[in-house]
């Protein structure tokens, strides 16, 4: 019978240490994009009550309600925060950016109607129906609408990524944490995990300077709204 060499018990602690180090290296590398978004946004994220001023506030779209006519809870929270920024004089014009042909409905149209119901002059709301994701919203705000300085509103789990992408693309933005009525701990945890992984795509888009999915000619709607 052939003898089978059994690894010495003494070797296992060494192997375990190597595996632990390898695991730590993998974790750090996987977390690098998320760390980038968090560190780059430091000093540019504010609570609603402490928000600075800017001519424009950008509201990022997300799913509308099942009736396709009303915003979902998270979108309503973003819009309520933006409306307060306008009525309190900390912003003048709202750029609502989302998917105009989304599976859940026309996000910018729903956002525009909701803001009007909250007392925001429709003449001070500009809709971008091609803000298909956060990167596209930031790129189009700069390239199409000529925005240079703005506030951007979304929930806390998403805000650092949004601020970092916009600033990377040349916008001087500060983020404002949106209200999130009805957002339970489980939902916030789920969205935070999703955003952790989404930061990888954000970093890749930024590194390769990806153009927005839809290219459009310059649109003076923001400047015209500011002149009113």
Foldseek 3Di string as FASTA:
>chain_A
DDDDDDDDPVCVVVVVVVVVVVVVVVVCVLQVLVVLLVVLQPPQEEALVPDAADAEEEEEWDAADQVQQARDQQSVQQLVSVLVCCVVPRYPAYEYEEACPDPRHGGQVSSLVVSVVVVRPSLRYHYHNQPHDLLQSLLCCCQAAVAAEYEYEGAPLQFSLSCSSNVLNRHRYGYYHTDRPPCDPVNSVVSNVVVSNVSVVSVVCSVVVDHRPDDDHHDNSNVVSSVD
